[in-house]
Amino acid sequence: MKTFFDNLYIVWAIASKDIVNALKNKNTRTNIILMMGMVVFFYWSSTLRPFDKRIDTAVYDEGSSSLTVRPTELADGYTFRFYEASSLQEMERMMGYKQLGVVIPADFDQVLASGGEPTLTGYILWVHRTRVAELEAKYSQKFSELLGQPVRVEIKENFIIPTPGVETSGVYFHILFATFFVTINLVPALMMEEKRTKTLDALLVSPASDGQVVMGKALAGLF
């Protein structure tokens, strides 16, 4: 009687052969490259890029400053879009869809009026944590241009991990369902490929059972 590991070995032998054959297939390689390209594209499109000139900013004002009512377009084409929050927690929630979050201190206007250099506490998304120094310099420069005098933005370790606005378990379920749906549809395709290349007969007379053949195909399809 075959042990569990014997069954697993036969399933893996069938799956590994199909995986190697699939990777040798030009159409399969093209599809893998296209999928990887889509992943890279969507990652690239969701991150800050040098040509992005709109700075979406979630703002929590501890006082009643005039920052958000000032002109928001800079000479170099950069534009601020301010979204006011009533609390720090609300500002952090809004950060899921914004590039920057800032807390405006209560004495902001007074420091500006006295000619001092006010400091804004900045928040960025966790994914940009390696760019703190770069983003501090960039946003300090842009706020300084906006206000016409030096302004410092301090981010330090103020990283925000966005809270999803949708029930993620539903998203996970649909991703899992789509993955297994593709796998199930690939199994008969792989079986037909075996028949076309006349290797199915060799499988049928091998020690592998029907169930092991199907499981091997399913594993290859899942891969």
N, C-alpha and C. Protein backbone atom coordinates (compact mmCIF):
# COMPACT_ATOMS: atom_id res chain seq x y z
N MET A 1 0.85 -1.20 0.00
CA MET A 1 0.00 0.00 0.00
C MET A 1 0.88 1.25 0.00
N LYS A 2 0.55 2.17 -0.89
CA LYS A 2 1.35 3.38 -1.01
C LYS A 2 1.16 4.29 0.20
N THR A 3 2.26 4.83 0.62
CA THR A 3 2.19 5.78 1.73
C THR A 3 1.83 7.16 1.21
N PHE A 4 1.56 8.04 2.15
CA PHE A 4 1.22 9.42 1.77
C PHE A 4 2.37 10.06 0.99
N PHE A 5 3.61 9.82 1.42
CA PHE A 5 4.76 10.43 0.76
C PHE A 5 4.98 9.85 -0.64
N ASP A 6 4.65 8.57 -0.83
CA ASP A 6 4.73 7.98 -2.17
C ASP A 6 3.74 8.67 -3.11
N ASN A 7 2.53 8.87 -2.62
CA ASN A 7 1.51 9.58 -3.41
C ASN A 7 1.97 11.00 -3.74
N LEU A 8 2.53 11.66 -2.70
CA LEU A 8 2.98 13.03 -2.89
C LEU A 8 4.11 13.09 -3.93
N TYR A 9 5.01 12.11 -3.89
CA TYR A 9 6.13 12.08 -4.83
C TYR A 9 5.63 11.93 -6.27
N ILE A 10 4.64 11.05 -6.47
CA ILE A 10 4.10 10.83 -7.82
C ILE A 10 3.39 12.08 -8.32
N VAL A 11 2.59 12.71 -7.43
CA VAL A 11 1.89 13.95 -7.81
C VAL A 11 2.90 15.02 -8.20
N TRP A 12 3.95 15.15 -7.40
CA TRP A 12 4.96 16.18 -7.68
C TRP A 12 5.72 15.87 -8.97
N ALA A 13 5.98 14.59 -9.23
CA ALA A 13 6.68 14.21 -10.47
C ALA A 13 5.87 14.64 -11.69
N ILE A 14 4.55 14.42 -11.63
CA ILE A 14 3.67 14.82 -12.74
C ILE A 14 3.63 16.34 -12.85
N ALA A 15 3.46 17.01 -11.69
CA ALA A 15 3.35 18.47 -11.69
C ALA A 15 4.64 19.12 -12.18
N SER A 16 5.79 18.63 -11.71
CA SER A 16 7.06 19.25 -12.09
C SER A 16 7.32 19.11 -13.59
N LYS A 17 6.93 17.96 -14.17
CA LYS A 17 7.09 17.78 -15.62
C LYS A 17 6.25 18.81 -16.38
N ASP A 18 5.00 19.01 -15.92
CA ASP A 18 4.12 19.98 -16.58
C ASP A 18 4.64 21.40 -16.41
N ILE A 19 5.16 21.70 -15.23
CA ILE A 19 5.68 23.05 -14.98
C ILE A 19 6.86 23.34 -15.92
N VAL A 20 7.78 22.37 -16.04
CA VAL A 20 8.94 22.55 -16.92
C VAL A 20 8.48 22.70 -18.36
N ASN A 21 7.55 21.85 -18.80
CA ASN A 21 7.03 21.93 -20.17
C ASN A 21 6.34 23.27 -20.43
N ALA A 22 5.60 23.75 -19.39
CA ALA A 22 4.90 25.03 -19.54
C ALA A 22 5.89 26.19 -19.68
N LEU A 23 6.97 26.13 -18.90
CA LEU A 23 7.96 27.20 -18.97
C LEU A 23 8.73 27.16 -20.29
N LYS A 24 8.76 25.99 -20.94
CA LYS A 24 9.40 25.90 -22.25
C LYS A 24 8.49 26.43 -23.36
N ASN A 25 7.20 26.57 -23.03
CA ASN A 25 6.23 27.02 -24.02
C ASN A 25 6.29 28.55 -24.17
N LYS A 26 6.39 29.00 -25.41
CA LYS A 26 6.54 30.44 -25.67
C LYS A 26 5.34 31.23 -25.17
N ASN A 27 4.12 30.72 -25.39
CA ASN A 27 2.92 31.44 -24.96
C ASN A 27 2.86 31.57 -23.44
N THR A 28 3.26 30.50 -22.73
CA THR A 28 3.26 30.57 -21.28
C THR A 28 4.26 31.61 -20.78
N ARG A 29 5.44 31.61 -21.35
CA ARG A 29 6.45 32.60 -20.94
C ARG A 29 5.97 34.01 -21.22
N THR A 30 5.31 34.19 -22.36
CA THR A 30 4.77 35.52 -22.69
C THR A 30 3.74 35.96 -21.67
N ASN A 31 2.85 35.04 -21.28
CA ASN A 31 1.82 35.37 -20.27
C ASN A 31 2.44 35.72 -18.92
N ILE A 32 3.47 34.97 -18.52
CA ILE A 32 4.14 35.26 -17.24
C ILE A 32 4.78 36.64 -17.28
N ILE A 33 5.44 36.95 -18.39
CA ILE A 33 6.09 38.27 -18.53
C ILE A 33 5.04 39.38 -18.50
N LEU A 34 3.90 39.16 -19.17
CA LEU A 34 2.84 40.17 -19.18
C LEU A 34 2.28 40.39 -17.78
N MET A 35 2.06 39.28 -17.04
CA MET A 35 1.54 39.41 -15.67
C MET A 35 2.52 40.14 -14.76
N MET A 36 3.82 39.79 -14.89
CA MET A 36 4.83 40.48 -14.09
C MET A 36 4.88 41.96 -14.47
N GLY A 37 4.72 42.24 -15.76
CA GLY A 37 4.69 43.63 -16.20
C GLY A 37 3.53 44.39 -15.60
N MET A 38 2.36 43.73 -15.49
CA MET A 38 1.19 44.38 -14.89
C MET A 38 1.44 44.69 -13.42
N VAL A 39 2.06 43.75 -12.70
CA VAL A 39 2.38 43.97 -11.28
C VAL A 39 3.30 45.17 -11.12
N VAL A 40 4.36 45.21 -11.95
CA VAL A 40 5.32 46.31 -11.88
C VAL A 40 4.64 47.63 -12.22
N PHE A 41 3.76 47.62 -13.25
CA PHE A 41 3.08 48.84 -13.67
C PHE A 41 2.19 49.39 -12.56
N PHE A 42 1.38 48.52 -11.93
CA PHE A 42 0.47 49.00 -10.90
C PHE A 42 1.22 49.44 -9.65
N TYR A 43 2.36 48.79 -9.35
CA TYR A 43 3.18 49.26 -8.23
C TYR A 43 3.75 50.64 -8.56
N TRP A 44 4.27 50.79 -9.79
CA TRP A 44 4.86 52.06 -10.21
C TRP A 44 3.82 53.17 -10.22
N SER A 45 2.59 52.84 -10.68
CA SER A 45 1.56 53.87 -10.78
C SER A 45 1.03 54.29 -9.41
N SER A 46 1.25 53.45 -8.37
CA SER A 46 0.74 53.77 -7.04
C SER A 46 1.78 54.44 -6.15
N THR A 47 3.00 54.66 -6.68
CA THR A 47 4.05 55.29 -5.89
C THR A 47 4.32 56.70 -6.41
N LEU A 48 5.02 57.49 -5.59
CA LEU A 48 5.35 58.85 -5.99
C LEU A 48 6.36 58.82 -7.13
N ARG A 49 6.14 59.65 -8.14
CA ARG A 49 7.04 59.71 -9.28
C ARG A 49 7.53 61.14 -9.46
N PRO A 50 8.71 61.34 -10.07
CA PRO A 50 9.28 62.68 -10.19
C PRO A 50 8.39 63.67 -10.91
N PHE A 51 7.57 63.20 -11.88
CA PHE A 51 6.75 64.14 -12.65
C PHE A 51 5.40 64.43 -12.01
N ASP A 52 5.08 63.80 -10.87
CA ASP A 52 3.84 64.11 -10.17
C ASP A 52 3.93 65.51 -9.58
N LYS A 53 3.00 66.37 -9.96
CA LYS A 53 3.06 67.76 -9.50
C LYS A 53 1.85 68.15 -8.67
N ARG A 54 1.07 67.18 -8.23
CA ARG A 54 -0.05 67.46 -7.33
C ARG A 54 0.24 66.82 -6.00
N ILE A 55 0.22 67.61 -4.95
CA ILE A 55 0.52 67.12 -3.61
C ILE A 55 -0.78 67.08 -2.81
N ASP A 56 -1.38 65.90 -2.74
CA ASP A 56 -2.60 65.73 -1.95
C ASP A 56 -2.23 65.63 -0.48
N THR A 57 -2.74 66.55 0.32
CA THR A 57 -2.31 66.67 1.71
C THR A 57 -3.49 66.64 2.66
N ALA A 58 -3.47 65.68 3.58
CA ALA A 58 -4.46 65.65 4.66
C ALA A 58 -3.95 66.55 5.78
N VAL A 59 -4.80 67.44 6.27
CA VAL A 59 -4.37 68.47 7.22
C VAL A 59 -5.19 68.41 8.50
N TYR A 60 -4.47 68.38 9.63
CA TYR A 60 -5.13 68.56 10.93
C TYR A 60 -4.59 69.84 11.53
N ASP A 61 -5.47 70.83 11.68
CA ASP A 61 -5.08 72.15 12.17
C ASP A 61 -5.41 72.25 13.66
N GLU A 62 -4.36 72.38 14.48
CA GLU A 62 -4.58 72.47 15.92
C GLU A 62 -5.13 73.82 16.34
N GLY A 63 -4.99 74.80 15.46
CA GLY A 63 -5.55 76.12 15.74
C GLY A 63 -6.55 76.50 14.66
N SER A 64 -6.36 77.66 14.09
CA SER A 64 -7.21 78.10 12.97
C SER A 64 -6.32 78.88 12.01
N SER A 65 -5.33 78.22 11.47
CA SER A 65 -4.36 78.89 10.61
C SER A 65 -4.97 79.21 9.25
N SER A 66 -4.24 80.03 8.50
CA SER A 66 -4.70 80.44 7.17
C SER A 66 -4.05 79.62 6.07
N LEU A 67 -3.35 78.53 6.42
CA LEU A 67 -2.59 77.78 5.43
C LEU A 67 -3.47 77.25 4.31
N THR A 68 -4.58 76.63 4.66
CA THR A 68 -5.39 75.95 3.64
C THR A 68 -6.24 76.90 2.80
N VAL A 69 -6.29 78.19 3.16
CA VAL A 69 -7.07 79.14 2.35
C VAL A 69 -6.17 79.98 1.46
N ARG A 70 -4.88 79.74 1.47
CA ARG A 70 -3.94 80.46 0.61
C ARG A 70 -3.97 79.88 -0.81
N PRO A 71 -3.45 80.65 -1.79
CA PRO A 71 -3.30 80.08 -3.14
C PRO A 71 -2.46 78.80 -3.08
N THR A 72 -2.83 77.81 -3.85
CA THR A 72 -2.18 76.50 -3.74
C THR A 72 -1.31 76.12 -4.93
N GLU A 73 -1.21 76.99 -5.94
CA GLU A 73 -0.41 76.65 -7.12
C GLU A 73 0.93 77.37 -7.06
N LEU A 74 2.00 76.61 -7.31
CA LEU A 74 3.34 77.15 -7.28
C LEU A 74 3.81 77.51 -8.69
N ALA A 75 4.89 78.28 -8.75
CA ALA A 75 5.38 78.76 -10.04
C ALA A 75 5.87 77.63 -10.94
N ASP A 76 6.35 76.54 -10.36
CA ASP A 76 6.89 75.44 -11.16
C ASP A 76 5.83 74.41 -11.56
N GLY A 77 4.56 74.75 -11.33
CA GLY A 77 3.47 73.87 -11.73
C GLY A 77 2.96 72.95 -10.64
N TYR A 78 3.67 72.87 -9.51
CA TYR A 78 3.19 72.04 -8.40
C TYR A 78 1.92 72.65 -7.81
N THR A 79 1.02 71.79 -7.39
CA THR A 79 -0.25 72.24 -6.81
C THR A 79 -0.54 71.46 -5.54
N PHE A 80 -0.87 72.19 -4.48
CA PHE A 80 -1.31 71.56 -3.23
C PHE A 80 -2.82 71.38 -3.27
N ARG A 81 -3.29 70.24 -2.80
CA ARG A 81 -4.72 70.04 -2.58
C ARG A 81 -4.88 69.63 -1.12
N PHE A 82 -5.51 70.50 -0.35
CA PHE A 82 -5.65 70.27 1.08
C PHE A 82 -7.00 69.63 1.41
N TYR A 83 -6.95 68.65 2.32
CA TYR A 83 -8.17 67.98 2.79
C TYR A 83 -8.14 68.05 4.32
N GLU A 84 -9.02 68.87 4.88
CA GLU A 84 -8.98 69.14 6.32
C GLU A 84 -9.64 68.02 7.12
N ALA A 85 -9.01 67.68 8.23
CA ALA A 85 -9.52 66.67 9.16
C ALA A 85 -9.80 67.33 10.50
N SER A 86 -10.77 66.80 11.21
CA SER A 86 -11.15 67.39 12.49
C SER A 86 -10.34 66.84 13.67
N SER A 87 -9.55 65.78 13.41
CA SER A 87 -8.74 65.20 14.47
C SER A 87 -7.53 64.51 13.84
N LEU A 88 -6.56 64.20 14.68
CA LEU A 88 -5.37 63.50 14.20
C LEU A 88 -5.74 62.11 13.69
N GLN A 89 -6.66 61.45 14.37
CA GLN A 89 -7.07 60.11 13.96
C GLN A 89 -7.75 60.15 12.59
N GLU A 90 -8.57 61.17 12.35
CA GLU A 90 -9.23 61.29 11.05
C GLU A 90 -8.20 61.58 9.96
N MET A 91 -7.20 62.41 10.29
CA MET A 91 -6.15 62.69 9.32
C MET A 91 -5.40 61.42 8.94
N GLU A 92 -5.11 60.57 9.93
CA GLU A 92 -4.40 59.32 9.67
C GLU A 92 -5.24 58.39 8.81
N ARG A 93 -6.56 58.39 9.03
CA ARG A 93 -7.43 57.56 8.19
C ARG A 93 -7.44 58.08 6.75
N MET A 94 -7.43 59.39 6.60
CA MET A 94 -7.44 59.98 5.26
C MET A 94 -6.15 59.71 4.50
N MET A 95 -5.10 59.39 5.22
CA MET A 95 -3.79 59.17 4.59
C MET A 95 -3.78 57.97 3.65
N GLY A 96 -4.77 57.12 3.72
CA GLY A 96 -4.81 55.98 2.81
C GLY A 96 -4.88 56.40 1.35
N TYR A 97 -5.32 57.64 1.10
CA TYR A 97 -5.50 58.11 -0.27
C TYR A 97 -4.75 59.42 -0.52
N LYS A 98 -3.82 59.75 0.34
CA LYS A 98 -3.08 61.00 0.21
C LYS A 98 -1.58 60.74 0.25
N GLN A 99 -0.80 61.68 -0.31
CA GLN A 99 0.66 61.56 -0.29
C GLN A 99 1.26 61.98 1.04
N LEU A 100 0.62 62.98 1.66
CA LEU A 100 1.22 63.63 2.83
C LEU A 100 0.14 63.98 3.84
N GLY A 101 0.50 63.89 5.10
CA GLY A 101 -0.35 64.39 6.17
C GLY A 101 0.45 65.40 6.98
N VAL A 102 -0.17 66.50 7.37
CA VAL A 102 0.54 67.49 8.19
C VAL A 102 -0.33 67.93 9.36
N VAL A 103 0.33 68.16 10.47
CA VAL A 103 -0.32 68.74 11.64
C VAL A 103 0.19 70.18 11.76
N ILE A 104 -0.74 71.13 11.71
CA ILE A 104 -0.39 72.55 11.79
C ILE A 104 -0.48 72.98 13.25
N PRO A 105 0.61 73.45 13.84
CA PRO A 105 0.56 73.86 15.25
C PRO A 105 -0.32 75.09 15.45
N ALA A 106 -0.81 75.25 16.66
CA ALA A 106 -1.74 76.35 16.95
C ALA A 106 -1.11 77.72 16.73
N ASP A 107 0.23 77.84 16.91
CA ASP A 107 0.88 79.14 16.77
C ASP A 107 1.49 79.34 15.38
N PHE A 108 1.02 78.61 14.40
CA PHE A 108 1.62 78.64 13.07
C PHE A 108 1.61 80.04 12.47
N ASP A 109 0.44 80.70 12.46
CA ASP A 109 0.34 82.04 11.88
C ASP A 109 1.18 83.06 12.64
N GLN A 110 1.25 82.91 13.96
CA GLN A 110 2.03 83.86 14.76
C GLN A 110 3.53 83.74 14.44
N VAL A 111 4.00 82.52 14.29
CA VAL A 111 5.42 82.33 13.95
C VAL A 111 5.71 82.88 12.57
N LEU A 112 4.79 82.67 11.63
CA LEU A 112 4.96 83.22 10.29
C LEU A 112 5.02 84.75 10.33
N ALA A 113 4.09 85.35 11.07
CA ALA A 113 4.01 86.80 11.13
C ALA A 113 5.25 87.41 11.77
N SER A 114 5.87 86.69 12.68
CA SER A 114 7.07 87.22 13.35
C SER A 114 8.34 86.99 12.53
N GLY A 115 8.20 86.35 11.38
CA GLY A 115 9.37 86.09 10.54
C GLY A 115 10.13 84.85 10.91
N GLY A 116 9.58 84.05 11.80
CA GLY A 116 10.26 82.82 12.21
C GLY A 116 10.06 81.70 11.19
N GLU A 117 10.58 80.54 11.51
CA GLU A 117 10.46 79.37 10.64
C GLU A 117 9.55 78.35 11.32
N PRO A 118 8.27 78.33 10.96
CA PRO A 118 7.34 77.38 11.59
C PRO A 118 7.65 75.94 11.17
N THR A 119 7.26 75.02 12.03
CA THR A 119 7.49 73.61 11.75
C THR A 119 6.16 72.88 11.64
N LEU A 120 6.01 72.14 10.54
CA LEU A 120 4.84 71.29 10.34
C LEU A 120 5.25 69.84 10.61
N THR A 121 4.45 69.14 11.37
CA THR A 121 4.71 67.73 11.61
C THR A 121 4.12 66.93 10.46
N GLY A 122 5.00 66.24 9.72
CA GLY A 122 4.55 65.52 8.54
C GLY A 122 4.35 64.04 8.78
N TYR A 123 3.45 63.45 8.02
CA TYR A 123 3.18 62.01 8.06
C TYR A 123 3.20 61.48 6.63
N ILE A 124 3.82 60.34 6.44
CA ILE A 124 3.85 59.70 5.13
C ILE A 124 3.43 58.24 5.27
N LEU A 125 3.12 57.63 4.14
CA LEU A 125 2.76 56.21 4.16
C LEU A 125 3.99 55.36 4.46
N TRP A 126 3.76 54.24 5.12
CA TRP A 126 4.84 53.35 5.54
C TRP A 126 5.70 52.89 4.37
N VAL A 127 5.09 52.74 3.19
CA VAL A 127 5.83 52.23 2.03
C VAL A 127 6.94 53.19 1.61
N HIS A 128 6.83 54.47 2.02
CA HIS A 128 7.85 55.47 1.65
C HIS A 128 8.83 55.74 2.78
N ARG A 129 8.93 54.83 3.74
CA ARG A 129 9.73 55.07 4.95
C ARG A 129 11.21 55.25 4.66
N THR A 130 11.69 54.71 3.52
CA THR A 130 13.13 54.84 3.20
C THR A 130 13.44 56.19 2.56
N ARG A 131 12.42 57.01 2.33
CA ARG A 131 12.63 58.29 1.63
C ARG A 131 12.38 59.48 2.55
N VAL A 132 12.49 59.29 3.85
CA VAL A 132 12.15 60.35 4.80
C VAL A 132 12.94 61.63 4.52
N ALA A 133 14.28 61.52 4.43
CA ALA A 133 15.12 62.71 4.24
C ALA A 133 14.76 63.42 2.93
N GLU A 134 14.57 62.64 1.87
CA GLU A 134 14.22 63.22 0.57
C GLU A 134 12.88 63.95 0.62
N LEU A 135 11.87 63.30 1.24
CA LEU A 135 10.54 63.90 1.29
C LEU A 135 10.48 65.09 2.24
N GLU A 136 11.23 65.04 3.33
CA GLU A 136 11.30 66.21 4.22
C GLU A 136 11.84 67.42 3.47
N ALA A 137 12.92 67.20 2.70
CA ALA A 137 13.51 68.31 1.94
C ALA A 137 12.54 68.81 0.87
N LYS A 138 11.90 67.88 0.17
CA LYS A 138 10.98 68.28 -0.90
C LYS A 138 9.80 69.08 -0.37
N TYR A 139 9.13 68.54 0.67
CA TYR A 139 7.93 69.21 1.18
C TYR A 139 8.28 70.50 1.91
N SER A 140 9.44 70.56 2.56
CA SER A 140 9.87 71.81 3.20
C SER A 140 10.05 72.88 2.13
N GLN A 141 10.67 72.50 1.02
CA GLN A 141 10.88 73.45 -0.07
C GLN A 141 9.55 73.93 -0.66
N LYS A 142 8.62 73.00 -0.88
CA LYS A 142 7.35 73.37 -1.51
C LYS A 142 6.49 74.23 -0.58
N PHE A 143 6.47 73.92 0.71
CA PHE A 143 5.71 74.77 1.64
C PHE A 143 6.36 76.14 1.77
N SER A 144 7.67 76.18 1.71
CA SER A 144 8.38 77.47 1.77
C SER A 144 8.04 78.32 0.55
N GLU A 145 7.97 77.70 -0.63
CA GLU A 145 7.59 78.43 -1.83
C GLU A 145 6.14 78.89 -1.75
N LEU A 146 5.29 78.06 -1.19
CA LEU A 146 3.88 78.40 -1.07
C LEU A 146 3.67 79.61 -0.16
N LEU A 147 4.41 79.64 0.95
CA LEU A 147 4.20 80.69 1.96
C LEU A 147 5.14 81.88 1.81
N GLY A 148 6.16 81.75 0.96
CA GLY A 148 7.06 82.86 0.72
C GLY A 148 8.09 83.08 1.79
N GLN A 149 8.27 82.14 2.68
CA GLN A 149 9.32 82.21 3.70
C GLN A 149 9.60 80.78 4.20
N PRO A 150 10.73 80.59 4.87
CA PRO A 150 11.13 79.22 5.24
C PRO A 150 10.11 78.52 6.14
N VAL A 151 9.82 77.29 5.78
CA VAL A 151 8.95 76.40 6.56
C VAL A 151 9.63 75.04 6.60
N ARG A 152 9.62 74.41 7.75
CA ARG A 152 10.25 73.10 7.90
C ARG A 152 9.17 72.03 8.11
N VAL A 153 9.31 70.95 7.37
CA VAL A 153 8.42 69.79 7.54
C VAL A 153 9.24 68.67 8.17
N GLU A 154 8.85 68.23 9.35
CA GLU A 154 9.55 67.15 10.04
C GLU A 154 8.69 65.89 10.02
N ILE A 155 9.21 64.85 9.38
CA ILE A 155 8.48 63.59 9.29
C ILE A 155 8.97 62.59 10.32
N LYS A 156 10.29 62.47 10.44
CA LYS A 156 10.93 61.53 11.37
C LYS A 156 10.38 60.12 11.18
N GLU A 157 9.69 59.58 12.19
CA GLU A 157 9.17 58.21 12.10
C GLU A 157 7.64 58.19 12.10
N ASN A 158 7.05 59.22 11.52
CA ASN A 158 5.59 59.29 11.45
C ASN A 158 5.10 58.56 10.20
N PHE A 159 5.03 57.24 10.31
CA PHE A 159 4.60 56.41 9.19
C PHE A 159 3.17 55.92 9.44
N ILE A 160 2.39 55.94 8.39
CA ILE A 160 1.00 55.51 8.48
C ILE A 160 0.80 54.24 7.66
N ILE A 161 0.21 53.23 8.28
CA ILE A 161 -0.21 52.04 7.55
C ILE A 161 -1.71 52.19 7.30
N PRO A 162 -2.11 52.41 6.05
CA PRO A 162 -3.52 52.71 5.77
C PRO A 162 -4.44 51.59 6.22
N THR A 163 -5.58 51.98 6.76
CA THR A 163 -6.62 51.03 7.09
C THR A 163 -7.53 50.89 5.89
N PRO A 164 -7.70 49.68 5.35
CA PRO A 164 -8.54 49.52 4.16
C PRO A 164 -9.95 50.04 4.39
N GLY A 165 -10.50 50.65 3.36
CA GLY A 165 -11.86 51.17 3.46
C GLY A 165 -12.91 50.14 3.10
N VAL A 166 -12.49 48.91 2.75
CA VAL A 166 -13.44 47.86 2.41
C VAL A 166 -13.15 46.64 3.27
N GLU A 167 -14.10 45.74 3.31
CA GLU A 167 -13.93 44.50 4.07
C GLU A 167 -12.97 43.60 3.31
N THR A 168 -11.73 43.48 3.81
CA THR A 168 -10.70 42.79 3.05
C THR A 168 -10.95 41.30 2.92
N SER A 169 -11.70 40.69 3.84
CA SER A 169 -11.94 39.26 3.72
C SER A 169 -12.66 38.94 2.42
N GLY A 170 -13.55 39.83 1.99
CA GLY A 170 -14.24 39.63 0.72
C GLY A 170 -13.28 39.69 -0.46
N VAL A 171 -12.33 40.64 -0.38
CA VAL A 171 -11.32 40.76 -1.44
C VAL A 171 -10.47 39.50 -1.49
N TYR A 172 -10.02 39.04 -0.31
CA TYR A 172 -9.20 37.83 -0.26
C TYR A 172 -9.94 36.64 -0.84
N PHE A 173 -11.24 36.53 -0.52
CA PHE A 173 -12.03 35.42 -1.01
C PHE A 173 -12.09 35.43 -2.54
N HIS A 174 -12.31 36.62 -3.12
CA HIS A 174 -12.42 36.70 -4.57
C HIS A 174 -11.09 36.40 -5.25
N ILE A 175 -9.98 36.84 -4.65
CA ILE A 175 -8.67 36.52 -5.21
C ILE A 175 -8.43 35.01 -5.16
N LEU A 176 -8.76 34.40 -4.02
CA LEU A 176 -8.59 32.96 -3.87
C LEU A 176 -9.49 32.20 -4.84
N PHE A 177 -10.73 32.67 -4.97
CA PHE A 177 -11.67 32.02 -5.88
C PHE A 177 -11.16 32.12 -7.32
N ALA A 178 -10.67 33.30 -7.72
CA ALA A 178 -10.16 33.47 -9.08
C ALA A 178 -8.97 32.56 -9.34
N THR A 179 -8.09 32.43 -8.33
CA THR A 179 -6.91 31.56 -8.49
C THR A 179 -7.32 30.12 -8.72
N PHE A 180 -8.23 29.61 -7.89
CA PHE A 180 -8.65 28.22 -8.04
C PHE A 180 -9.52 28.02 -9.28
N PHE A 181 -10.26 29.05 -9.67
CA PHE A 181 -11.05 28.95 -10.89
C PHE A 181 -10.15 28.77 -12.11
N VAL A 182 -9.06 29.55 -12.16
CA VAL A 182 -8.09 29.42 -13.25
C VAL A 182 -7.46 28.04 -13.22
N THR A 183 -7.11 27.59 -12.00
CA THR A 183 -6.50 26.26 -11.86
C THR A 183 -7.41 25.17 -12.39
N ILE A 184 -8.69 25.21 -12.01
CA ILE A 184 -9.64 24.19 -12.44
C ILE A 184 -9.79 24.19 -13.95
N ASN A 185 -9.75 25.37 -14.55
CA ASN A 185 -9.88 25.44 -16.00
C ASN A 185 -8.61 24.99 -16.72
N LEU A 186 -7.47 25.10 -16.04
CA LEU A 186 -6.22 24.68 -16.66
C LEU A 186 -6.05 23.16 -16.65
N VAL A 187 -6.67 22.49 -15.67
CA VAL A 187 -6.51 21.02 -15.57
C VAL A 187 -6.95 20.32 -16.85
N PRO A 188 -8.17 20.54 -17.36
CA PRO A 188 -8.53 19.87 -18.62
C PRO A 188 -7.65 20.30 -19.79
N ALA A 189 -7.19 21.57 -19.77
CA ALA A 189 -6.31 22.02 -20.85
C ALA A 189 -4.99 21.24 -20.83
N LEU A 190 -4.47 21.00 -19.63
CA LEU A 190 -3.24 20.22 -19.52
C LEU A 190 -3.47 18.77 -19.93
N MET A 191 -4.65 18.22 -19.60
CA MET A 191 -4.97 16.86 -20.01
C MET A 191 -5.05 16.75 -21.54
N MET A 192 -5.65 17.76 -22.17
CA MET A 192 -5.74 17.76 -23.63
C MET A 192 -4.36 17.87 -24.26
N GLU A 193 -3.48 18.64 -23.61
CA GLU A 193 -2.11 18.76 -24.12
C GLU A 193 -1.40 17.41 -24.05
N GLU A 194 -1.64 16.65 -22.97
CA GLU A 194 -1.07 15.32 -22.86
C GLU A 194 -1.56 14.42 -24.01
N LYS A 195 -2.86 14.55 -24.32
CA LYS A 195 -3.44 13.73 -25.39
C LYS A 195 -2.87 14.14 -26.75
N ARG A 196 -2.71 15.46 -26.95
CA ARG A 196 -2.20 15.94 -28.23
C ARG A 196 -0.77 15.49 -28.47
N THR A 197 0.04 15.51 -27.42
CA THR A 197 1.45 15.11 -27.56
C THR A 197 1.64 13.60 -27.39
N LYS A 198 0.52 12.89 -27.21
CA LYS A 198 0.53 11.42 -27.10
C LYS A 198 1.34 10.91 -25.90
N THR A 199 1.36 11.70 -24.85
CA THR A 199 2.02 11.25 -23.62
C THR A 199 1.00 10.80 -22.57
N LEU A 200 -0.28 10.96 -22.89
CA LEU A 200 -1.32 10.55 -21.94
C LEU A 200 -1.33 9.03 -21.75
N ASP A 201 -1.08 8.29 -22.84
CA ASP A 201 -1.05 6.83 -22.74
C ASP A 201 0.03 6.36 -21.76
N ALA A 202 1.17 7.05 -21.83
CA ALA A 202 2.27 6.68 -20.92
C ALA A 202 1.86 6.93 -19.47
N LEU A 203 1.11 8.00 -19.23
CA LEU A 203 0.64 8.29 -17.87
C LEU A 203 -0.35 7.23 -17.40
N LEU A 204 -1.23 6.80 -18.32
CA LEU A 204 -2.28 5.86 -17.94
C LEU A 204 -1.75 4.48 -17.59
N VAL A 205 -0.60 4.11 -18.20
CA VAL A 205 -0.02 2.80 -17.89
C VAL A 205 1.06 2.89 -16.82
N SER A 206 1.28 4.11 -16.32
CA SER A 206 2.26 4.30 -15.25
C SER A 206 1.63 3.93 -13.92
N PRO A 207 2.43 3.86 -12.85
CA PRO A 207 1.87 3.55 -11.52
C PRO A 207 0.94 4.63 -10.97
N ALA A 208 0.88 5.78 -11.64
CA ALA A 208 0.05 6.88 -11.14
C ALA A 208 -1.42 6.57 -11.31
N SER A 209 -2.20 6.84 -10.30
CA SER A 209 -3.65 6.66 -10.38
C SER A 209 -4.29 7.86 -11.06
N ASP A 210 -5.58 7.73 -11.41
CA ASP A 210 -6.29 8.86 -12.02
C ASP A 210 -6.28 10.09 -11.11
N GLY A 211 -6.49 9.84 -9.83
CA GLY A 211 -6.50 10.94 -8.88
C GLY A 211 -5.16 11.64 -8.79
N GLN A 212 -4.07 10.86 -8.82
CA GLN A 212 -2.74 11.46 -8.76
C GLN A 212 -2.45 12.28 -10.02
N VAL A 213 -2.91 11.79 -11.16
CA VAL A 213 -2.73 12.54 -12.41
C VAL A 213 -3.45 13.88 -12.34
N VAL A 214 -4.70 13.84 -11.87
CA VAL A 214 -5.48 15.08 -11.76
C VAL A 214 -4.85 16.03 -10.75
N MET A 215 -4.40 15.50 -9.60
CA MET A 215 -3.78 16.34 -8.59
C MET A 215 -2.47 16.96 -9.11
N GLY A 216 -1.71 16.17 -9.87
CA GLY A 216 -0.48 16.69 -10.45
C GLY A 216 -0.77 17.82 -11.42
N LYS A 217 -1.80 17.64 -12.25
CA LYS A 217 -2.19 18.69 -13.19
C LYS A 217 -2.67 19.93 -12.45
N ALA A 218 -3.46 19.71 -11.38
CA ALA A 218 -3.97 20.84 -10.60
C ALA A 218 -2.83 21.62 -9.96
N LEU A 219 -1.84 20.89 -9.44
CA LEU A 219 -0.69 21.56 -8.81
C LEU A 219 0.09 22.38 -9.83
N ALA A 220 0.26 21.81 -11.03
CA ALA A 220 0.94 22.54 -12.11
C ALA A 220 0.14 23.78 -12.51
N GLY A 221 -1.18 23.62 -12.59
CA GLY A 221 -2.02 24.75 -12.94
C GLY A 221 -1.97 25.85 -11.88
N LEU A 222 -1.96 25.45 -10.62
CA LEU A 222 -1.88 26.43 -9.53
C LEU A 222 -0.57 27.19 -9.57
N PHE A 223 0.53 26.46 -9.89
CA PHE A 223 1.84 27.11 -10.01
C PHE A 223 1.79 28.18 -11.10
